[in-house]
Amino acid sequence: MGAISDVERLFAELAVRNLIARIFLLTDTDPELEEYRACFTEDAIWERVGEGAGQAVGSHITGAARGRETIVADRRAVRKVGHTGPGTANWHMATNVNVSVRSADAARAWTSFIFVYGEGGAPTIRSVGYYQDDFRRTEGGWKLAHRRFSIGKPPAEFAPRS
């Protein structure tokens, strides 16, 4: 790991934590997904791993979505079926965020998520899962570069490590 000061490490961790929260909020609230798009690197990857990796989730792309525009297109497809977004009563929650700053320009985070289904009555938990995210610092700030997710209990390789 490149030498960075404790202060730089704390600023990087805070920026990554805020980006994780921002992505969750924008998933559910950004009308045109323009701010959401800006959270990812151009070459970002979003992939499902673990049990069910070969299955589509909702209208999520099966396997891996490669490139920021493909990820945004997938979000739009999910919204068309009422999964999330403005005008629905469904939302995403991030919990148990663990961030490891690996260098001045790279970080990894492990985040548990809860998807709450709020349509037609009392909110219920629809699914839970886990993200392992890699972040890069760019000229435009920290961006999500690679998201791996699993539904249910995370695979062993997701265990947080420095």
N, C-alpha and C. Protein backbone atom coordinates (compact mmCIF):
# COMPACT_ATOMS: atom_id res chain seq x y z
N MET A 1 0.85 -1.17 0.00
CA MET A 1 0.00 0.00 0.00
C MET A 1 0.90 1.23 0.00
N GLY A 2 0.55 2.20 -0.85
CA GLY A 2 1.31 3.45 -0.86
C GLY A 2 1.15 4.17 0.46
N ALA A 3 2.18 4.89 0.85
CA ALA A 3 2.15 5.60 2.13
C ALA A 3 1.20 6.79 2.05
N ILE A 4 0.20 6.77 2.90
CA ILE A 4 -0.69 7.92 3.02
C ILE A 4 -0.83 8.23 4.51
N SER A 5 -1.10 9.47 4.81
CA SER A 5 -1.21 9.87 6.21
C SER A 5 -2.54 9.39 6.79
N ASP A 6 -2.63 9.39 8.11
CA ASP A 6 -3.88 9.03 8.77
C ASP A 6 -5.01 9.96 8.36
N VAL A 7 -4.72 11.23 8.21
CA VAL A 7 -5.73 12.20 7.81
C VAL A 7 -6.23 11.90 6.39
N GLU A 8 -5.31 11.62 5.47
CA GLU A 8 -5.71 11.27 4.09
C GLU A 8 -6.56 10.00 4.09
N ARG A 9 -6.17 9.02 4.91
CA ARG A 9 -6.93 7.78 5.00
C ARG A 9 -8.35 8.04 5.51
N LEU A 10 -8.47 8.89 6.53
CA LEU A 10 -9.79 9.21 7.07
C LEU A 10 -10.65 9.95 6.05
N PHE A 11 -10.06 10.90 5.34
CA PHE A 11 -10.81 11.62 4.31
C PHE A 11 -11.27 10.66 3.21
N ALA A 12 -10.39 9.74 2.80
CA ALA A 12 -10.76 8.77 1.77
C ALA A 12 -11.89 7.86 2.26
N GLU A 13 -11.77 7.38 3.49
CA GLU A 13 -12.82 6.51 4.03
C GLU A 13 -14.16 7.24 4.10
N LEU A 14 -14.14 8.47 4.56
CA LEU A 14 -15.38 9.24 4.64
C LEU A 14 -15.98 9.46 3.25
N ALA A 15 -15.13 9.77 2.27
CA ALA A 15 -15.62 9.98 0.90
C ALA A 15 -16.25 8.71 0.36
N VAL A 16 -15.64 7.55 0.61
CA VAL A 16 -16.19 6.28 0.13
C VAL A 16 -17.50 5.97 0.84
N ARG A 17 -17.55 6.16 2.15
CA ARG A 17 -18.80 5.92 2.89
C ARG A 17 -19.93 6.81 2.36
N ASN A 18 -19.62 8.08 2.12
CA ASN A 18 -20.63 8.99 1.58
C ASN A 18 -21.07 8.58 0.19
N LEU A 19 -20.14 8.09 -0.62
CA LEU A 19 -20.49 7.64 -1.97
C LEU A 19 -21.41 6.42 -1.91
N ILE A 20 -21.13 5.49 -1.02
CA ILE A 20 -22.01 4.33 -0.86
C ILE A 20 -23.43 4.80 -0.51
N ALA A 21 -23.54 5.68 0.47
CA ALA A 21 -24.86 6.19 0.87
C ALA A 21 -25.53 6.92 -0.29
N ARG A 22 -24.76 7.70 -1.03
CA ARG A 22 -25.30 8.45 -2.16
C ARG A 22 -25.85 7.51 -3.23
N ILE A 23 -25.12 6.47 -3.55
CA ILE A 23 -25.59 5.51 -4.55
C ILE A 23 -26.91 4.88 -4.12
N PHE A 24 -27.00 4.48 -2.84
CA PHE A 24 -28.25 3.90 -2.34
C PHE A 24 -29.40 4.89 -2.47
N LEU A 25 -29.17 6.13 -2.05
CA LEU A 25 -30.24 7.13 -2.11
C LEU A 25 -30.64 7.44 -3.55
N LEU A 26 -29.65 7.61 -4.43
CA LEU A 26 -29.96 7.96 -5.82
C LEU A 26 -30.63 6.81 -6.57
N THR A 27 -30.34 5.57 -6.18
CA THR A 27 -31.01 4.42 -6.78
C THR A 27 -32.51 4.58 -6.67
N ASP A 28 -32.96 5.11 -5.55
CA ASP A 28 -34.39 5.23 -5.28
C ASP A 28 -34.99 6.59 -5.61
N THR A 29 -34.15 7.63 -5.76
CA THR A 29 -34.71 8.98 -5.85
C THR A 29 -34.32 9.79 -7.08
N ASP A 30 -33.23 9.45 -7.76
CA ASP A 30 -32.75 10.28 -8.88
C ASP A 30 -33.66 10.06 -10.09
N PRO A 31 -34.45 11.07 -10.48
CA PRO A 31 -35.44 10.89 -11.54
C PRO A 31 -34.87 10.43 -12.88
N GLU A 32 -33.79 11.02 -13.32
CA GLU A 32 -33.22 10.68 -14.64
C GLU A 32 -31.94 9.86 -14.54
N LEU A 33 -31.52 9.55 -13.33
CA LEU A 33 -30.30 8.77 -13.06
C LEU A 33 -29.02 9.46 -13.53
N GLU A 34 -29.06 10.77 -13.68
CA GLU A 34 -27.86 11.50 -14.08
C GLU A 34 -26.85 11.60 -12.94
N GLU A 35 -27.33 11.92 -11.75
CA GLU A 35 -26.42 11.97 -10.60
C GLU A 35 -25.92 10.57 -10.27
N TYR A 36 -26.79 9.59 -10.40
CA TYR A 36 -26.42 8.19 -10.17
C TYR A 36 -25.29 7.78 -11.12
N ARG A 37 -25.43 8.10 -12.39
CA ARG A 37 -24.42 7.79 -13.40
C ARG A 37 -23.05 8.32 -12.99
N ALA A 38 -23.02 9.52 -12.44
CA ALA A 38 -21.76 10.17 -12.08
C ALA A 38 -21.03 9.47 -10.92
N CYS A 39 -21.66 8.52 -10.26
CA CYS A 39 -21.04 7.81 -9.14
C CYS A 39 -20.12 6.67 -9.59
N PHE A 40 -20.15 6.34 -10.87
CA PHE A 40 -19.41 5.19 -11.38
C PHE A 40 -18.29 5.61 -12.32
N THR A 41 -17.23 4.80 -12.38
CA THR A 41 -16.20 5.02 -13.39
C THR A 41 -16.79 4.63 -14.75
N GLU A 42 -16.21 5.14 -15.82
CA GLU A 42 -16.67 4.79 -17.18
C GLU A 42 -16.67 3.28 -17.40
N ASP A 43 -15.64 2.60 -16.87
CA ASP A 43 -15.47 1.17 -17.12
C ASP A 43 -15.99 0.31 -15.96
N ALA A 44 -16.90 0.84 -15.17
CA ALA A 44 -17.40 0.13 -13.99
C ALA A 44 -17.99 -1.23 -14.36
N ILE A 45 -17.92 -2.15 -13.41
CA ILE A 45 -18.50 -3.49 -13.56
C ILE A 45 -19.42 -3.73 -12.37
N TRP A 46 -20.58 -4.31 -12.63
CA TRP A 46 -21.52 -4.70 -11.58
C TRP A 46 -21.86 -6.16 -11.86
N GLU A 47 -21.51 -7.06 -10.93
CA GLU A 47 -21.75 -8.47 -11.18
C GLU A 47 -22.32 -9.19 -9.98
N ARG A 48 -23.12 -10.20 -10.29
CA ARG A 48 -23.67 -11.07 -9.25
C ARG A 48 -22.75 -12.27 -9.10
N VAL A 49 -22.47 -12.64 -7.86
CA VAL A 49 -21.62 -13.79 -7.56
C VAL A 49 -22.33 -14.67 -6.55
N GLY A 50 -21.76 -15.84 -6.29
CA GLY A 50 -22.33 -16.74 -5.29
C GLY A 50 -23.54 -17.47 -5.83
N GLU A 51 -24.37 -17.94 -4.92
CA GLU A 51 -25.55 -18.70 -5.29
C GLU A 51 -26.47 -17.87 -6.18
N GLY A 52 -26.92 -18.44 -7.27
CA GLY A 52 -27.80 -17.73 -8.19
C GLY A 52 -27.10 -16.78 -9.13
N ALA A 53 -25.77 -16.87 -9.24
CA ALA A 53 -25.02 -15.94 -10.08
C ALA A 53 -25.44 -15.98 -11.53
N GLY A 54 -25.95 -17.12 -11.99
CA GLY A 54 -26.37 -17.23 -13.37
C GLY A 54 -27.79 -16.78 -13.62
N GLN A 55 -28.49 -16.34 -12.58
CA GLN A 55 -29.88 -15.93 -12.71
C GLN A 55 -29.99 -14.42 -12.74
N ALA A 56 -30.96 -13.93 -13.46
CA ALA A 56 -31.24 -12.49 -13.43
C ALA A 56 -31.97 -12.18 -12.12
N VAL A 57 -31.72 -11.02 -11.59
CA VAL A 57 -32.42 -10.54 -10.39
C VAL A 57 -33.35 -9.44 -10.85
N GLY A 58 -34.65 -9.64 -10.71
CA GLY A 58 -35.58 -8.65 -11.25
C GLY A 58 -35.29 -8.54 -12.74
N SER A 59 -34.97 -7.37 -13.20
CA SER A 59 -34.56 -7.24 -14.58
C SER A 59 -33.07 -6.93 -14.67
N HIS A 60 -32.34 -7.16 -13.55
CA HIS A 60 -30.89 -6.99 -13.59
C HIS A 60 -30.30 -7.88 -14.67
N ILE A 61 -29.23 -7.43 -15.24
CA ILE A 61 -28.53 -8.22 -16.24
C ILE A 61 -27.95 -9.45 -15.56
N THR A 62 -28.08 -10.60 -16.21
CA THR A 62 -27.50 -11.83 -15.70
C THR A 62 -25.99 -11.75 -15.82
N GLY A 63 -25.27 -12.22 -14.82
CA GLY A 63 -23.82 -12.21 -14.88
C GLY A 63 -23.27 -10.86 -14.50
N ALA A 64 -22.72 -10.14 -15.48
CA ALA A 64 -22.07 -8.85 -15.18
C ALA A 64 -22.53 -7.78 -16.16
N ALA A 65 -22.75 -6.60 -15.62
CA ALA A 65 -23.01 -5.41 -16.45
C ALA A 65 -21.68 -4.68 -16.54
N ARG A 66 -21.21 -4.45 -17.75
CA ARG A 66 -19.89 -3.83 -17.95
C ARG A 66 -20.06 -2.45 -18.57
N GLY A 67 -19.53 -1.45 -17.89
CA GLY A 67 -19.61 -0.08 -18.36
C GLY A 67 -20.72 0.69 -17.67
N ARG A 68 -20.43 1.95 -17.38
CA ARG A 68 -21.37 2.80 -16.67
C ARG A 68 -22.71 2.90 -17.40
N GLU A 69 -22.68 3.02 -18.71
CA GLU A 69 -23.95 3.17 -19.45
C GLU A 69 -24.80 1.90 -19.38
N THR A 70 -24.17 0.73 -19.37
CA THR A 70 -24.90 -0.53 -19.24
C THR A 70 -25.54 -0.63 -17.86
N ILE A 71 -24.81 -0.20 -16.83
CA ILE A 71 -25.34 -0.22 -15.46
C ILE A 71 -26.54 0.71 -15.36
N VAL A 72 -26.45 1.90 -15.93
CA VAL A 72 -27.56 2.85 -15.89
C VAL A 72 -28.75 2.31 -16.69
N ALA A 73 -28.49 1.69 -17.83
CA ALA A 73 -29.57 1.09 -18.63
C ALA A 73 -30.28 0.00 -17.82
N ASP A 74 -29.53 -0.77 -17.07
CA ASP A 74 -30.13 -1.80 -16.22
C ASP A 74 -31.02 -1.17 -15.15
N ARG A 75 -30.56 -0.09 -14.54
CA ARG A 75 -31.37 0.62 -13.54
C ARG A 75 -32.69 1.08 -14.17
N ARG A 76 -32.59 1.61 -15.37
CA ARG A 76 -33.81 2.07 -16.06
C ARG A 76 -34.77 0.92 -16.31
N ALA A 77 -34.23 -0.24 -16.71
CA ALA A 77 -35.08 -1.42 -16.95
C ALA A 77 -35.74 -1.88 -15.65
N VAL A 78 -35.00 -1.84 -14.55
CA VAL A 78 -35.55 -2.21 -13.25
C VAL A 78 -36.70 -1.27 -12.88
N ARG A 79 -36.52 0.00 -13.17
CA ARG A 79 -37.58 0.97 -12.86
C ARG A 79 -38.83 0.75 -13.70
N LYS A 80 -38.67 0.34 -14.93
CA LYS A 80 -39.84 0.13 -15.80
C LYS A 80 -40.77 -0.95 -15.27
N VAL A 81 -40.24 -1.89 -14.50
CA VAL A 81 -41.09 -2.93 -13.92
C VAL A 81 -41.51 -2.60 -12.50
N GLY A 82 -41.22 -1.35 -12.05
CA GLY A 82 -41.68 -0.89 -10.74
C GLY A 82 -40.86 -1.37 -9.56
N HIS A 83 -39.65 -1.86 -9.82
CA HIS A 83 -38.80 -2.37 -8.74
C HIS A 83 -38.38 -1.27 -7.77
N THR A 84 -38.04 -0.12 -8.30
CA THR A 84 -37.55 0.96 -7.46
C THR A 84 -37.66 2.28 -8.21
N GLY A 85 -37.25 3.34 -7.56
CA GLY A 85 -37.24 4.65 -8.20
C GLY A 85 -38.35 5.55 -7.71
N PRO A 86 -38.32 6.81 -8.14
CA PRO A 86 -39.37 7.75 -7.74
C PRO A 86 -40.74 7.21 -8.15
N GLY A 87 -41.70 7.39 -7.29
CA GLY A 87 -43.04 6.93 -7.60
C GLY A 87 -43.34 5.53 -7.08
N THR A 88 -42.34 4.83 -6.53
CA THR A 88 -42.61 3.53 -5.92
C THR A 88 -42.45 3.68 -4.41
N ALA A 89 -42.94 2.70 -3.70
CA ALA A 89 -42.80 2.70 -2.24
C ALA A 89 -41.69 1.75 -1.81
N ASN A 90 -40.83 1.35 -2.74
CA ASN A 90 -39.74 0.41 -2.46
C ASN A 90 -38.44 1.18 -2.29
N TRP A 91 -37.55 0.66 -1.44
CA TRP A 91 -36.29 1.36 -1.25
C TRP A 91 -35.19 0.40 -0.80
N HIS A 92 -33.96 0.89 -0.93
CA HIS A 92 -32.75 0.14 -0.58
C HIS A 92 -32.12 0.76 0.67
N MET A 93 -31.57 -0.09 1.53
CA MET A 93 -30.89 0.38 2.73
C MET A 93 -29.51 -0.26 2.81
N ALA A 94 -28.50 0.53 3.18
CA ALA A 94 -27.14 0.03 3.38
C ALA A 94 -26.87 -0.07 4.88
N THR A 95 -26.29 -1.17 5.29
CA THR A 95 -25.93 -1.35 6.69
C THR A 95 -24.54 -1.99 6.78
N ASN A 96 -23.96 -1.97 7.97
CA ASN A 96 -22.70 -2.68 8.24
C ASN A 96 -21.63 -2.38 7.20
N VAL A 97 -21.34 -1.12 6.99
CA VAL A 97 -20.34 -0.71 5.99
C VAL A 97 -18.94 -0.80 6.61
N ASN A 98 -18.05 -1.52 5.94
CA ASN A 98 -16.66 -1.65 6.37
C ASN A 98 -15.79 -1.21 5.20
N VAL A 99 -14.98 -0.16 5.40
CA VAL A 99 -14.15 0.40 4.33
C VAL A 99 -12.67 0.15 4.64
N SER A 100 -11.94 -0.31 3.64
CA SER A 100 -10.49 -0.47 3.75
C SER A 100 -9.84 0.40 2.68
N VAL A 101 -9.16 1.45 3.10
CA VAL A 101 -8.44 2.31 2.16
C VAL A 101 -7.12 1.62 1.86
N ARG A 102 -6.90 1.29 0.60
CA ARG A 102 -5.73 0.50 0.22
C ARG A 102 -4.56 1.36 -0.25
N SER A 103 -4.86 2.55 -0.75
CA SER A 103 -3.84 3.50 -1.18
C SER A 103 -4.52 4.86 -1.32
N ALA A 104 -3.78 5.84 -1.76
CA ALA A 104 -4.37 7.17 -1.95
C ALA A 104 -5.46 7.17 -3.02
N ASP A 105 -5.44 6.16 -3.89
CA ASP A 105 -6.38 6.14 -5.02
C ASP A 105 -7.24 4.88 -5.10
N ALA A 106 -7.20 4.01 -4.10
CA ALA A 106 -7.96 2.76 -4.16
C ALA A 106 -8.51 2.40 -2.79
N ALA A 107 -9.75 1.91 -2.77
CA ALA A 107 -10.38 1.46 -1.53
C ALA A 107 -11.33 0.32 -1.85
N ARG A 108 -11.61 -0.49 -0.85
CA ARG A 108 -12.58 -1.57 -0.97
C ARG A 108 -13.54 -1.44 0.20
N ALA A 109 -14.82 -1.73 -0.05
CA ALA A 109 -15.82 -1.69 1.01
C ALA A 109 -16.69 -2.93 0.94
N TRP A 110 -17.17 -3.35 2.10
CA TRP A 110 -18.10 -4.45 2.23
C TRP A 110 -19.34 -3.88 2.88
N THR A 111 -20.49 -4.05 2.25
CA THR A 111 -21.74 -3.44 2.73
C THR A 111 -22.86 -4.46 2.67
N SER A 112 -23.59 -4.60 3.76
CA SER A 112 -24.81 -5.39 3.75
C SER A 112 -25.93 -4.50 3.22
N PHE A 113 -26.89 -5.11 2.50
CA PHE A 113 -28.03 -4.31 2.04
C PHE A 113 -29.33 -5.02 2.35
N ILE A 114 -30.35 -4.19 2.45
CA ILE A 114 -31.72 -4.65 2.65
C ILE A 114 -32.57 -3.96 1.60
N PHE A 115 -33.39 -4.74 0.89
CA PHE A 115 -34.34 -4.17 -0.06
C PHE A 115 -35.72 -4.28 0.56
N VAL A 116 -36.38 -3.14 0.74
CA VAL A 116 -37.67 -3.08 1.39
C VAL A 116 -38.76 -2.86 0.34
N TYR A 117 -39.75 -3.72 0.37
CA TYR A 117 -40.89 -3.63 -0.54
C TYR A 117 -42.02 -2.96 0.22
N GLY A 118 -42.44 -1.79 -0.27
CA GLY A 118 -43.44 -1.03 0.46
C GLY A 118 -44.78 -0.91 -0.24
N GLU A 119 -44.92 -1.55 -1.38
CA GLU A 119 -46.17 -1.44 -2.14
C GLU A 119 -47.30 -2.21 -1.47
N GLY A 120 -48.49 -1.63 -1.45
CA GLY A 120 -49.70 -2.33 -1.03
C GLY A 120 -49.80 -2.69 0.44
N GLY A 121 -49.26 -1.88 1.31
CA GLY A 121 -49.41 -2.17 2.72
C GLY A 121 -48.15 -1.92 3.51
N ALA A 122 -48.02 -2.68 4.56
CA ALA A 122 -46.88 -2.50 5.46
C ALA A 122 -45.57 -2.89 4.75
N PRO A 123 -44.52 -2.11 4.92
CA PRO A 123 -43.24 -2.44 4.32
C PRO A 123 -42.73 -3.80 4.80
N THR A 124 -42.18 -4.57 3.87
CA THR A 124 -41.61 -5.87 4.20
C THR A 124 -40.23 -5.99 3.56
N ILE A 125 -39.39 -6.77 4.19
CA ILE A 125 -38.07 -7.02 3.61
C ILE A 125 -38.24 -7.99 2.45
N ARG A 126 -37.81 -7.56 1.28
CA ARG A 126 -37.93 -8.37 0.07
C ARG A 126 -36.68 -9.22 -0.15
N SER A 127 -35.51 -8.62 0.12
CA SER A 127 -34.28 -9.39 0.01
C SER A 127 -33.19 -8.72 0.83
N VAL A 128 -32.19 -9.52 1.17
CA VAL A 128 -30.99 -9.03 1.84
C VAL A 128 -29.81 -9.58 1.09
N GLY A 129 -28.70 -8.89 1.18
CA GLY A 129 -27.52 -9.35 0.48
C GLY A 129 -26.30 -8.56 0.89
N TYR A 130 -25.31 -8.66 0.04
CA TYR A 130 -23.99 -8.17 0.40
C TYR A 130 -23.30 -7.62 -0.83
N TYR A 131 -22.63 -6.49 -0.68
CA TYR A 131 -21.80 -5.92 -1.75
C TYR A 131 -20.34 -5.95 -1.33
N GLN A 132 -19.48 -6.24 -2.29
CA GLN A 132 -18.05 -6.01 -2.14
C GLN A 132 -17.70 -5.05 -3.26
N ASP A 133 -17.31 -3.84 -2.90
CA ASP A 133 -17.09 -2.77 -3.87
C ASP A 133 -15.64 -2.33 -3.91
N ASP A 134 -15.15 -2.07 -5.11
CA ASP A 134 -13.84 -1.46 -5.29
C ASP A 134 -14.05 -0.05 -5.82
N PHE A 135 -13.33 0.90 -5.21
CA PHE A 135 -13.45 2.31 -5.55
C PHE A 135 -12.11 2.83 -6.05
N ARG A 136 -12.18 3.79 -6.98
CA ARG A 136 -10.98 4.48 -7.46
C ARG A 136 -11.17 5.97 -7.30
N ARG A 137 -10.10 6.64 -6.93
CA ARG A 137 -10.14 8.10 -6.89
C ARG A 137 -9.78 8.59 -8.28
N THR A 138 -10.62 9.45 -8.83
CA THR A 138 -10.45 10.00 -10.16
C THR A 138 -10.33 11.52 -10.05
N GLU A 139 -10.14 12.17 -11.18
CA GLU A 139 -10.12 13.65 -11.17
C GLU A 139 -11.44 14.20 -10.66
N GLY A 140 -12.53 13.46 -10.85
CA GLY A 140 -13.85 13.88 -10.38
C GLY A 140 -14.19 13.40 -8.99
N GLY A 141 -13.22 12.86 -8.26
CA GLY A 141 -13.47 12.34 -6.92
C GLY A 141 -13.53 10.82 -6.92
N TRP A 142 -13.94 10.25 -5.80
CA TRP A 142 -14.05 8.80 -5.68
C TRP A 142 -15.24 8.30 -6.49
N LYS A 143 -15.03 7.17 -7.18
CA LYS A 143 -16.07 6.55 -8.01
C LYS A 143 -16.09 5.05 -7.74
N LEU A 144 -17.24 4.44 -7.93
CA LEU A 144 -17.37 2.99 -7.82
C LEU A 144 -16.88 2.37 -9.12
N ALA A 145 -15.90 1.46 -9.01
CA ALA A 145 -15.29 0.84 -10.19
C ALA A 145 -15.75 -0.60 -10.39
N HIS A 146 -16.02 -1.33 -9.31
CA HIS A 146 -16.41 -2.74 -9.45
C HIS A 146 -17.27 -3.14 -8.27
N ARG A 147 -18.50 -3.54 -8.55
CA ARG A 147 -19.42 -4.00 -7.51
C ARG A 147 -19.70 -5.48 -7.75
N ARG A 148 -19.48 -6.27 -6.72
CA ARG A 148 -19.86 -7.69 -6.72
C ARG A 148 -20.96 -7.82 -5.67
N PHE A 149 -22.05 -8.51 -6.01
CA PHE A 149 -23.10 -8.65 -5.01
C PHE A 149 -23.61 -10.07 -4.96
N SER A 150 -24.10 -10.41 -3.79
CA SER A 150 -24.74 -11.71 -3.61
C SER A 150 -26.02 -11.49 -2.83
N ILE A 151 -26.99 -12.33 -3.11
CA ILE A 151 -28.24 -12.32 -2.37
C ILE A 151 -28.08 -13.32 -1.23
N GLY A 152 -28.58 -12.95 -0.05
CA GLY A 152 -28.45 -13.83 1.11
C GLY A 152 -27.09 -13.70 1.74
N LYS A 153 -26.69 -14.74 2.43
CA LYS A 153 -25.41 -14.72 3.12
C LYS A 153 -24.28 -14.60 2.11
N PRO A 154 -23.28 -13.77 2.41
CA PRO A 154 -22.20 -13.56 1.44
C PRO A 154 -21.31 -14.79 1.27
N PRO A 155 -20.73 -14.95 0.08
CA PRO A 155 -19.78 -16.04 -0.10
C PRO A 155 -18.54 -15.80 0.76
N ALA A 156 -17.82 -16.86 1.08
CA ALA A 156 -16.65 -16.77 1.97
C ALA A 156 -15.62 -15.78 1.45
N GLU A 157 -15.46 -15.67 0.14
CA GLU A 157 -14.44 -14.76 -0.40
C GLU A 157 -14.78 -13.28 -0.19
N PHE A 158 -15.98 -13.00 0.28
CA PHE A 158 -16.37 -11.62 0.57
C PHE A 158 -15.93 -11.16 1.96
N ALA A 159 -15.37 -12.04 2.77
CA ALA A 159 -15.00 -11.67 4.13
C ALA A 159 -14.07 -10.45 4.12
N PRO A 160 -14.40 -9.41 4.88
CA PRO A 160 -13.56 -8.20 4.90
C PRO A 160 -12.13 -8.51 5.34
N ARG A 161 -11.21 -8.04 4.53
CA ARG A 161 -9.80 -8.15 4.84
C ARG A 161 -9.15 -6.83 4.50
N SER A 162 -8.13 -6.48 5.22
CA SER A 162 -7.44 -5.21 4.97
C SER A 162 -6.81 -5.20 3.61
